[in-house]
């Protein structure tokens, strides 16, 4: 599947922030696909992302990572997955 815009966001304990950020991103860029690379956050950030994806935002995707490995590794993993499966015209990192 080809998409116009992929937004990659690595997270660790960002549950409170994502509840506000994700709706705003889709309001500003309704055709975007947002990819959250979560490093097994203890605050259950990944669970929130899954709920939002199922109930409100089908273009929201969770990349669950088993442990905290740092922001650089999170970006590399997310970029690889996005490029392999989605073929975006543009990738934005946050």
PDB file of N, CA and C in Angstrom:
ATOM      1  N   UNK A   1       0.839  -1.185   0.000  1.00  0.00           N
ATOM      2  CA  UNK A   1       0.000   0.000   0.000  1.00  0.00           C
ATOM      3  C   UNK A   1       0.885   1.250   0.000  1.00  0.00           C
ATOM      4  N   UNK A   2       0.600   2.179  -0.858  1.00  0.00           N
ATOM      5  CA  UNK A   2       1.356   3.430  -0.934  1.00  0.00           C
ATOM      6  C   UNK A   2       0.578   4.515  -0.194  1.00  0.00           C
ATOM      7  N   UNK A   3       1.298   5.273   0.644  1.00  0.00           N
ATOM      8  CA  UNK A   3       0.670   6.352   1.401  1.00  0.00           C
ATOM      9  C   UNK A   3       1.410   7.665   1.136  1.00  0.00           C
ATOM     10  N   UNK A   4       0.712   8.806   1.257  1.00  0.00           N
ATOM     11  CA  UNK A   4       1.372  10.075   0.973  1.00  0.00           C
ATOM     12  C   UNK A   4       2.319  10.535   2.082  1.00  0.00           C
ATOM     13  N   UNK A   5       1.971  10.255   3.328  1.00  0.00           N
ATOM     14  CA  UNK A   5       2.747  10.781   4.444  1.00  0.00           C
ATOM     15  C   UNK A   5       2.765   9.795   5.602  1.00  0.00           C
ATOM     16  N   UNK A   6       3.957   9.515   6.113  1.00  0.00           N
ATOM     17  CA  UNK A   6       4.122   8.697   7.315  1.00  0.00           C
ATOM     18  C   UNK A   6       4.755   9.575   8.392  1.00  0.00           C
ATOM     19  N   UNK A   7       4.154   9.573   9.558  1.00  0.00           N
ATOM     20  CA  UNK A   7       4.702  10.294  10.702  1.00  0.00           C
ATOM     21  C   UNK A   7       5.177   9.240  11.692  1.00  0.00           C
ATOM     22  N   UNK A   8       6.458   9.267  12.037  1.00  0.00           N
ATOM     23  CA  UNK A   8       7.053   8.285  12.950  1.00  0.00           C
ATOM     24  C   UNK A   8       7.334   8.962  14.286  1.00  0.00           C
ATOM     25  N   UNK A   9       6.814   8.348  15.342  1.00  0.00           N
ATOM     26  CA  UNK A   9       6.992   8.902  16.688  1.00  0.00           C
ATOM     27  C   UNK A   9       7.477   7.794  17.618  1.00  0.00           C
ATOM     28  N   UNK A  10       8.708   7.863  18.087  1.00  0.00           N
ATOM     29  CA  UNK A  10       9.170   6.909  19.096  1.00  0.00           C
ATOM     30  C   UNK A  10       8.656   7.352  20.462  1.00  0.00           C
ATOM     31  N   UNK A  11       8.252   6.380  21.287  1.00  0.00           N
ATOM     32  CA  UNK A  11       7.694   6.743  22.588  1.00  0.00           C
ATOM     33  C   UNK A  11       8.237   5.872  23.711  1.00  0.00           C
ATOM     34  N   UNK A  12       8.235   6.480  24.876  1.00  0.00           N
ATOM     35  CA  UNK A  12       8.482   5.779  26.133  1.00  0.00           C
ATOM     36  C   UNK A  12       7.812   6.621  27.219  1.00  0.00           C
ATOM     37  N   UNK A  13       6.768   6.073  27.795  1.00  0.00           N
ATOM     38  CA  UNK A  13       5.970   6.778  28.808  1.00  0.00           C
ATOM     39  C   UNK A  13       5.402   8.096  28.272  1.00  0.00           C
ATOM     40  N   UNK A  14       4.713   8.007  27.160  1.00  0.00           N
ATOM     41  CA  UNK A  14       4.116   9.197  26.536  1.00  0.00           C
ATOM     42  C   UNK A  14       2.594   9.110  26.463  1.00  0.00           C
ATOM     43  N   UNK A  15       2.000   8.289  27.283  1.00  0.00           N
ATOM     44  CA  UNK A  15       0.553   8.073  27.248  1.00  0.00           C
ATOM     45  C   UNK A  15      -0.230   9.392  27.325  1.00  0.00           C
ATOM     46  N   UNK A  16       0.096  10.235  28.288  1.00  0.00           N
ATOM     47  CA  UNK A  16      -0.649  11.486  28.457  1.00  0.00           C
ATOM     48  C   UNK A  16      -0.484  12.407  27.253  1.00  0.00           C
ATOM     49  N   UNK A  17       0.707  12.487  26.711  1.00  0.00           N
ATOM     50  CA  UNK A  17       0.954  13.359  25.560  1.00  0.00           C
ATOM     51  C   UNK A  17       0.255  12.867  24.300  1.00  0.00           C
ATOM     52  N   UNK A  18       0.271  11.565  24.072  1.00  0.00           N
ATOM     53  CA  UNK A  18      -0.302  11.024  22.834  1.00  0.00           C
ATOM     54  C   UNK A  18      -1.808  11.190  22.776  1.00  0.00           C
ATOM     55  N   UNK A  19      -2.454  11.177  23.922  1.00  0.00           N
ATOM     56  CA  UNK A  19      -3.905  11.383  23.948  1.00  0.00           C
ATOM     57  C   UNK A  19      -4.302  12.723  23.353  1.00  0.00           C
ATOM     58  N   UNK A  20      -3.417  13.697  23.436  1.00  0.00           N
ATOM     59  CA  UNK A  20      -3.666  15.019  22.854  1.00  0.00           C
ATOM     60  C   UNK A  20      -3.059  15.147  21.458  1.00  0.00           C
ATOM     61  N   UNK A  21      -1.866  14.580  21.283  1.00  0.00           N
ATOM     62  CA  UNK A  21      -1.123  14.747  20.033  1.00  0.00           C
ATOM     63  C   UNK A  21      -1.776  14.032  18.850  1.00  0.00           C
ATOM     64  N   UNK A  22      -2.193  12.814  19.035  1.00  0.00           N
ATOM     65  CA  UNK A  22      -2.708  12.016  17.915  1.00  0.00           C
ATOM     66  C   UNK A  22      -3.941  12.648  17.264  1.00  0.00           C
ATOM     67  N   UNK A  23      -4.964  13.043  18.027  1.00  0.00           N
ATOM     68  CA  UNK A  23      -6.101  13.699  17.356  1.00  0.00           C
ATOM     69  C   UNK A  23      -5.696  14.970  16.614  1.00  0.00           C
ATOM     70  N   UNK A  24      -4.766  15.727  17.170  1.00  0.00           N
ATOM     71  CA  UNK A  24      -4.310  16.952  16.517  1.00  0.00           C
ATOM     72  C   UNK A  24      -3.578  16.648  15.205  1.00  0.00           C
ATOM     73  N   UNK A  25      -2.729  15.621  15.206  1.00  0.00           N
ATOM     74  CA  UNK A  25      -2.025  15.247  13.974  1.00  0.00           C
ATOM     75  C   UNK A  25      -2.993  14.888  12.860  1.00  0.00           C
ATOM     76  N   UNK A  26      -4.002  14.082  13.192  1.00  0.00           N
ATOM     77  CA  UNK A  26      -4.956  13.681  12.157  1.00  0.00           C
ATOM     78  C   UNK A  26      -5.852  14.833  11.722  1.00  0.00           C
ATOM     79  N   UNK A  27      -6.075  15.790  12.607  1.00  0.00           N
ATOM     80  CA  UNK A  27      -6.829  16.981  12.211  1.00  0.00           C
ATOM     81  C   UNK A  27      -6.027  17.815  11.217  1.00  0.00           C
ATOM     82  N   UNK A  28      -4.733  17.953  11.478  1.00  0.00           N
ATOM     83  CA  UNK A  28      -3.865  18.741  10.600  1.00  0.00           C
ATOM     84  C   UNK A  28      -3.510  18.025   9.302  1.00  0.00           C
ATOM     85  N   UNK A  29      -3.351  16.702   9.368  1.00  0.00           N
ATOM     86  CA  UNK A  29      -2.949  15.890   8.208  1.00  0.00           C
ATOM     87  C   UNK A  29      -3.840  14.653   8.103  1.00  0.00           C
ATOM     88  N   UNK A  30      -5.077  14.811   7.647  1.00  0.00           N
ATOM     89  CA  UNK A  30      -6.021  13.685   7.645  1.00  0.00           C
ATOM     90  C   UNK A  30      -5.610  12.490   6.775  1.00  0.00           C
ATOM     91  N   UNK A  31      -4.717  12.697   5.799  1.00  0.00           N
ATOM     92  CA  UNK A  31      -4.291  11.585   4.931  1.00  0.00           C
ATOM     93  C   UNK A  31      -3.028  10.894   5.439  1.00  0.00           C
ATOM     94  N   UNK A  32      -2.496  11.372   6.547  1.00  0.00           N
ATOM     95  CA  UNK A  32      -1.263  10.791   7.094  1.00  0.00           C
ATOM     96  C   UNK A  32      -1.538   9.433   7.739  1.00  0.00           C
ATOM     97  N   UNK A  33      -0.480   8.653   7.808  1.00  0.00           N
ATOM     98  CA  UNK A  33      -0.464   7.453   8.628  1.00  0.00           C
ATOM     99  C   UNK A  33       0.565   7.711   9.722  1.00  0.00           C
ATOM    100  N   UNK A  34       0.174   7.470  10.958  1.00  0.00           N
ATOM    101  CA  UNK A  34       1.042   7.746  12.100  1.00  0.00           C
ATOM    102  C   UNK A  34       1.511   6.417  12.678  1.00  0.00           C
ATOM    103  N   UNK A  35       2.823   6.292  12.834  1.00  0.00           N
ATOM    104  CA  UNK A  35       3.443   5.069  13.336  1.00  0.00           C
ATOM    105  C   UNK A  35       4.105   5.371  14.672  1.00  0.00           C
ATOM    106  N   UNK A  36       3.616   4.729  15.717  1.00  0.00           N
ATOM    107  CA  UNK A  36       4.169   4.892  17.063  1.00  0.00           C
ATOM    108  C   UNK A  36       5.071   3.702  17.339  1.00  0.00           C
ATOM    109  N   UNK A  37       6.345   3.970  17.604  1.00  0.00           N
ATOM    110  CA  UNK A  37       7.298   2.917  17.972  1.00  0.00           C
ATOM    111  C   UNK A  37       7.479   2.991  19.489  1.00  0.00           C
ATOM    112  N   UNK A  38       6.795   2.118  20.196  1.00  0.00           N
ATOM    113  CA  UNK A  38       6.810   2.170  21.664  1.00  0.00           C
ATOM    114  C   UNK A  38       7.729   1.103  22.237  1.00  0.00           C
ATOM    115  N   UNK A  39       8.589   1.533  23.154  1.00  0.00           N
ATOM    116  CA  UNK A  39       9.569   0.640  23.790  1.00  0.00           C
ATOM    117  C   UNK A  39       9.049   0.039  25.092  1.00  0.00           C
ATOM    118  N   UNK A  40       7.879  -0.603  25.013  1.00  0.00           N
ATOM    119  CA  UNK A  40       7.293  -1.295  26.159  1.00  0.00           C
ATOM    120  C   UNK A  40       7.152  -0.359  27.367  1.00  0.00           C
ATOM    121  N   UNK A  41       6.525   0.774  27.143  1.00  0.00           N
ATOM    122  CA  UNK A  41       6.348   1.781  28.193  1.00  0.00           C
ATOM    123  C   UNK A  41       5.581   1.237  29.387  1.00  0.00           C
ATOM    124  N   UNK A  42       6.098   1.467  30.601  1.00  0.00           N
ATOM    125  CA  UNK A  42       5.393   1.006  31.802  1.00  0.00           C
ATOM    126  C   UNK A  42       4.046   1.697  32.013  1.00  0.00           C
ATOM    127  N   UNK A  43       3.851   2.880  31.421  1.00  0.00           N
ATOM    128  CA  UNK A  43       2.567   3.572  31.580  1.00  0.00           C
ATOM    129  C   UNK A  43       1.515   3.077  30.580  1.00  0.00           C
ATOM    130  N   UNK A  44       1.853   2.040  29.830  1.00  0.00           N
ATOM    131  CA  UNK A  44       0.943   1.385  28.880  1.00  0.00           C
ATOM    132  C   UNK A  44       0.574   2.284  27.694  1.00  0.00           C
ATOM    133  N   UNK A  45       1.548   3.036  27.236  1.00  0.00           N
ATOM    134  CA  UNK A  45       1.369   3.864  26.047  1.00  0.00           C
ATOM    135  C   UNK A  45       0.856   3.028  24.876  1.00  0.00           C
ATOM    136  N   UNK A  46       1.432   1.857  24.682  1.00  0.00           N
ATOM    137  CA  UNK A  46       1.035   0.992  23.567  1.00  0.00           C
ATOM    138  C   UNK A  46      -0.430   0.607  23.620  1.00  0.00           C
ATOM    139  N   UNK A  47      -0.949   0.356  24.801  1.00  0.00           N
ATOM    140  CA  UNK A  47      -2.368   0.003  24.936  1.00  0.00           C
ATOM    141  C   UNK A  47      -3.268   1.165  24.511  1.00  0.00           C
ATOM    142  N   UNK A  48      -2.878   2.377  24.875  1.00  0.00           N
ATOM    143  CA  UNK A  48      -3.646   3.551  24.455  1.00  0.00           C
ATOM    144  C   UNK A  48      -3.634   3.670  22.934  1.00  0.00           C
ATOM    145  N   UNK A  49      -2.476   3.486  22.327  1.00  0.00           N
ATOM    146  CA  UNK A  49      -2.363   3.588  20.868  1.00  0.00           C
ATOM    147  C   UNK A  49      -3.263   2.548  20.199  1.00  0.00           C
ATOM    148  N   UNK A  50      -3.243   1.337  20.689  1.00  0.00           N
ATOM    149  CA  UNK A  50      -4.103   0.291  20.118  1.00  0.00           C
ATOM    150  C   UNK A  50      -5.581   0.665  20.227  1.00  0.00           C
ATOM    151  N   UNK A  51      -5.982   1.188  21.365  1.00  0.00           N
ATOM    152  CA  UNK A  51      -7.377   1.588  21.566  1.00  0.00           C
ATOM    153  C   UNK A  51      -7.766   2.706  20.606  1.00  0.00           C
ATOM    154  N   UNK A  52      -6.930   3.722  20.502  1.00  0.00           N
ATOM    155  CA  UNK A  52      -7.217   4.827  19.582  1.00  0.00           C
ATOM    156  C   UNK A  52      -7.284   4.343  18.133  1.00  0.00           C
ATOM    157  N   UNK A  53      -6.397   3.428  17.775  1.00  0.00           N
ATOM    158  CA  UNK A  53      -6.397   2.895  16.403  1.00  0.00           C
ATOM    159  C   UNK A  53      -7.684   2.131  16.108  1.00  0.00           C
ATOM    160  N   UNK A  54      -8.132   1.339  17.051  1.00  0.00           N
ATOM    161  CA  UNK A  54      -9.334   0.526  16.848  1.00  0.00           C
ATOM    162  C   UNK A  54     -10.611   1.360  16.854  1.00  0.00           C
ATOM    163  N   UNK A  55     -10.661   2.366  17.703  1.00  0.00           N
ATOM    164  CA  UNK A  55     -11.914   3.099  17.888  1.00  0.00           C
ATOM    165  C   UNK A  55     -12.042   4.372  17.059  1.00  0.00           C
ATOM    166  N   UNK A  56     -10.898   5.039  16.745  1.00  0.00           N
ATOM    167  CA  UNK A  56     -11.020   6.353  16.116  1.00  0.00           C
ATOM    168  C   UNK A  56     -10.133   6.576  14.903  1.00  0.00           C
ATOM    169  N   UNK A  57      -8.951   5.979  14.895  1.00  0.00           N
ATOM    170  CA  UNK A  57      -7.962   6.336  13.883  1.00  0.00           C
ATOM    171  C   UNK A  57      -7.382   5.091  13.210  1.00  0.00           C
ATOM    172  N   UNK A  58      -8.004   4.609  12.137  1.00  0.00           N
ATOM    173  CA  UNK A  58      -7.492   3.406  11.471  1.00  0.00           C
ATOM    174  C   UNK A  58      -6.114   3.593  10.832  1.00  0.00           C
ATOM    175  N   UNK A  59      -5.681   4.836  10.626  1.00  0.00           N
ATOM    176  CA  UNK A  59      -4.356   5.093  10.051  1.00  0.00           C
ATOM    177  C   UNK A  59      -3.295   5.280  11.136  1.00  0.00           C
ATOM    178  N   UNK A  60      -3.606   4.871  12.342  1.00  0.00           N
ATOM    179  CA  UNK A  60      -2.658   4.889  13.456  1.00  0.00           C
ATOM    180  C   UNK A  60      -2.121   3.479  13.633  1.00  0.00           C
ATOM    181  N   UNK A  61      -0.807   3.346  13.690  1.00  0.00           N
ATOM    182  CA  UNK A  61      -0.179   2.030  13.749  1.00  0.00           C
ATOM    183  C   UNK A  61       0.795   1.967  14.921  1.00  0.00           C
ATOM    184  N   UNK A  62       0.793   0.844  15.598  1.00  0.00           N
ATOM    185  CA  UNK A  62       1.694   0.639  16.733  1.00  0.00           C
ATOM    186  C   UNK A  62       2.787  -0.352  16.362  1.00  0.00           C
ATOM    187  N   UNK A  63       4.004   0.032  16.630  1.00  0.00           N
ATOM    188  CA  UNK A  63       5.148  -0.875  16.511  1.00  0.00           C
ATOM    189  C   UNK A  63       5.608  -1.138  17.936  1.00  0.00           C
ATOM    190  N   UNK A  64       5.257  -2.295  18.442  1.00  0.00           N
ATOM    191  CA  UNK A  64       5.640  -2.649  19.818  1.00  0.00           C
ATOM    192  C   UNK A  64       7.059  -3.186  19.820  1.00  0.00           C
ATOM    193  N   UNK A  65       7.884  -2.577  20.656  1.00  0.00           N
ATOM    194  CA  UNK A  65       9.259  -3.036  20.809  1.00  0.00           C
ATOM    195  C   UNK A  65       9.379  -3.632  22.210  1.00  0.00           C
ATOM    196  N   UNK A  66      10.050  -4.751  22.364  1.00  0.00           N
ATOM    197  CA  UNK A  66      10.028  -5.487  23.640  1.00  0.00           C
ATOM    198  C   UNK A  66      10.719  -4.797  24.809  1.00  0.00           C
ATOM    199  N   UNK A  67      11.687  -3.914  24.513  1.00  0.00           N
ATOM    200  CA  UNK A  67      12.390  -3.264  25.620  1.00  0.00           C
ATOM    201  C   UNK A  67      12.922  -1.914  25.166  1.00  0.00           C
ATOM    202  N   UNK A  68      13.310  -1.111  26.125  1.00  0.00           N
ATOM    203  CA  UNK A  68      13.842   0.213  25.839  1.00  0.00           C
ATOM    204  C   UNK A  68      15.250   0.081  25.257  1.00  0.00           C
ATOM    205  N   UNK A  69      15.402   0.546  24.004  1.00  0.00           N
ATOM    206  CA  UNK A  69      16.694   0.481  23.322  1.00  0.00           C
ATOM    207  C   UNK A  69      17.158   1.844  22.836  1.00  0.00           C
ATOM    208  N   UNK A  70      16.424   2.888  23.155  1.00  0.00           N
ATOM    209  CA  UNK A  70      16.826   4.231  22.776  1.00  0.00           C
ATOM    210  C   UNK A  70      16.127   4.746  21.539  1.00  0.00           C
ATOM    211  N   UNK A  71      16.175   6.047  21.416  1.00  0.00           N
ATOM    212  CA  UNK A  71      15.451   6.721  20.333  1.00  0.00           C
ATOM    213  C   UNK A  71      16.009   6.387  18.946  1.00  0.00           C
ATOM    214  N   UNK A  72      17.320   6.265  18.833  1.00  0.00           N
ATOM    215  CA  UNK A  72      17.926   5.959  17.541  1.00  0.00           C
ATOM    216  C   UNK A  72      17.479   4.621  16.995  1.00  0.00           C
ATOM    217  N   UNK A  73      17.516   3.604  17.832  1.00  0.00           N
ATOM    218  CA  UNK A  73      17.080   2.263  17.410  1.00  0.00           C
ATOM    219  C   UNK A  73      15.576   2.253  17.105  1.00  0.00           C
ATOM    220  N   UNK A  74      14.811   3.021  17.863  1.00  0.00           N
ATOM    221  CA  UNK A  74      13.366   3.096  17.612  1.00  0.00           C
ATOM    222  C   UNK A  74      13.096   3.690  16.229  1.00  0.00           C
ATOM    223  N   UNK A  75      13.809   4.778  15.891  1.00  0.00           N
ATOM    224  CA  UNK A  75      13.650   5.372  14.563  1.00  0.00           C
ATOM    225  C   UNK A  75      14.060   4.398  13.468  1.00  0.00           C
ATOM    226  N   UNK A  76      15.201   3.746  13.618  1.00  0.00           N
ATOM    227  CA  UNK A  76      15.663   2.805  12.595  1.00  0.00           C
ATOM    228  C   UNK A  76      14.657   1.686  12.364  1.00  0.00           C
ATOM    229  N   UNK A  77      14.138   1.124  13.441  1.00  0.00           N
ATOM    230  CA  UNK A  77      13.156   0.044  13.336  1.00  0.00           C
ATOM    231  C   UNK A  77      11.879   0.543  12.661  1.00  0.00           C
ATOM    232  N   UNK A  78      11.407   1.696  13.090  1.00  0.00           N
ATOM    233  CA  UNK A  78      10.173   2.235  12.519  1.00  0.00           C
ATOM    234  C   UNK A  78      10.344   2.587  11.042  1.00  0.00           C
ATOM    235  N   UNK A  79      11.454   3.256  10.687  1.00  0.00           N
ATOM    236  CA  UNK A  79      11.684   3.604   9.285  1.00  0.00           C
ATOM    237  C   UNK A  79      11.729   2.351   8.417  1.00  0.00           C
ATOM    238  N   UNK A  80      12.414   1.325   8.885  1.00  0.00           N
ATOM    239  CA  UNK A  80      12.512   0.078   8.117  1.00  0.00           C
ATOM    240  C   UNK A  80      11.133  -0.528   7.875  1.00  0.00           C
ATOM    241  N   UNK A  81      10.318  -0.547   8.885  1.00  0.00           N
ATOM    242  CA  UNK A  81       8.972  -1.128   8.729  1.00  0.00           C
ATOM    243  C   UNK A  81       8.095  -0.288   7.818  1.00  0.00           C
ATOM    244  N   UNK A  82       8.165   1.019   7.983  1.00  0.00           N
ATOM    245  CA  UNK A  82       7.352   1.904   7.146  1.00  0.00           C
ATOM    246  C   UNK A  82       7.769   1.778   5.678  1.00  0.00           C
ATOM    247  N   UNK A  83       9.057   1.810   5.415  1.00  0.00           N
ATOM    248  CA  UNK A  83       9.530   1.719   4.032  1.00  0.00           C
ATOM    249  C   UNK A  83       9.238   0.362   3.404  1.00  0.00           C
ATOM    250  N   UNK A  84       9.317  -0.701   4.193  1.00  0.00           N
ATOM    251  CA  UNK A  84       9.088  -2.051   3.661  1.00  0.00           C
ATOM    252  C   UNK A  84       7.626  -2.310   3.331  1.00  0.00           C
ATOM    253  N   UNK A  85       6.722  -1.729   4.093  1.00  0.00           N
ATOM    254  CA  UNK A  85       5.321  -2.094   3.908  1.00  0.00           C
ATOM    255  C   UNK A  85       4.406  -1.027   3.360  1.00  0.00           C
ATOM    256  N   UNK A  86       4.829   0.242   3.356  1.00  0.00           N
ATOM    257  CA  UNK A  86       3.890   1.314   3.052  1.00  0.00           C
ATOM    258  C   UNK A  86       4.300   2.208   1.887  1.00  0.00           C
ATOM    259  N   UNK A  87       5.570   2.300   1.571  1.00  0.00           N
ATOM    260  CA  UNK A  87       6.025   3.115   0.460  1.00  0.00           C
ATOM    261  C   UNK A  87       5.564   4.566   0.509  1.00  0.00           C
ATOM    262  N   UNK A  88       5.841   5.257   1.603  1.00  0.00           N
ATOM    263  CA  UNK A  88       5.352   6.633   1.700  1.00  0.00           C
ATOM    264  C   UNK A  88       6.090   7.588   0.751  1.00  0.00           C
ATOM    265  N   UNK A  89       5.397   8.634   0.349  1.00  0.00           N
ATOM    266  CA  UNK A  89       6.037   9.686  -0.436  1.00  0.00           C
ATOM    267  C   UNK A  89       6.958  10.518   0.450  1.00  0.00           C
ATOM    268  N   UNK A  90       6.599  10.632   1.729  1.00  0.00           N
ATOM    269  CA  UNK A  90       7.342  11.452   2.664  1.00  0.00           C
ATOM    270  C   UNK A  90       7.245  10.842   4.056  1.00  0.00           C
ATOM    271  N   UNK A  91       8.363  10.878   4.799  1.00  0.00           N
ATOM    272  CA  UNK A  91       8.377  10.454   6.197  1.00  0.00           C
ATOM    273  C   UNK A  91       8.773  11.650   7.039  1.00  0.00           C
ATOM    274  N   UNK A  92       8.006  11.892   8.084  1.00  0.00           N
ATOM    275  CA  UNK A  92       8.281  12.946   9.044  1.00  0.00           C
ATOM    276  C   UNK A  92       8.588  12.266  10.366  1.00  0.00           C
ATOM    277  N   UNK A  93       9.645  12.711  11.013  1.00  0.00           N
ATOM    278  CA  UNK A  93       9.965  12.156  12.330  1.00  0.00           C
ATOM    279  C   UNK A  93       9.656  13.206  13.399  1.00  0.00           C
ATOM    280  N   UNK A  94       9.202  12.731  14.524  1.00  0.00           N
ATOM    281  CA  UNK A  94       8.936  13.630  15.650  1.00  0.00           C
ATOM    282  C   UNK A  94       9.727  13.172  16.841  1.00  0.00           C
TER     283      UNK A  94
END
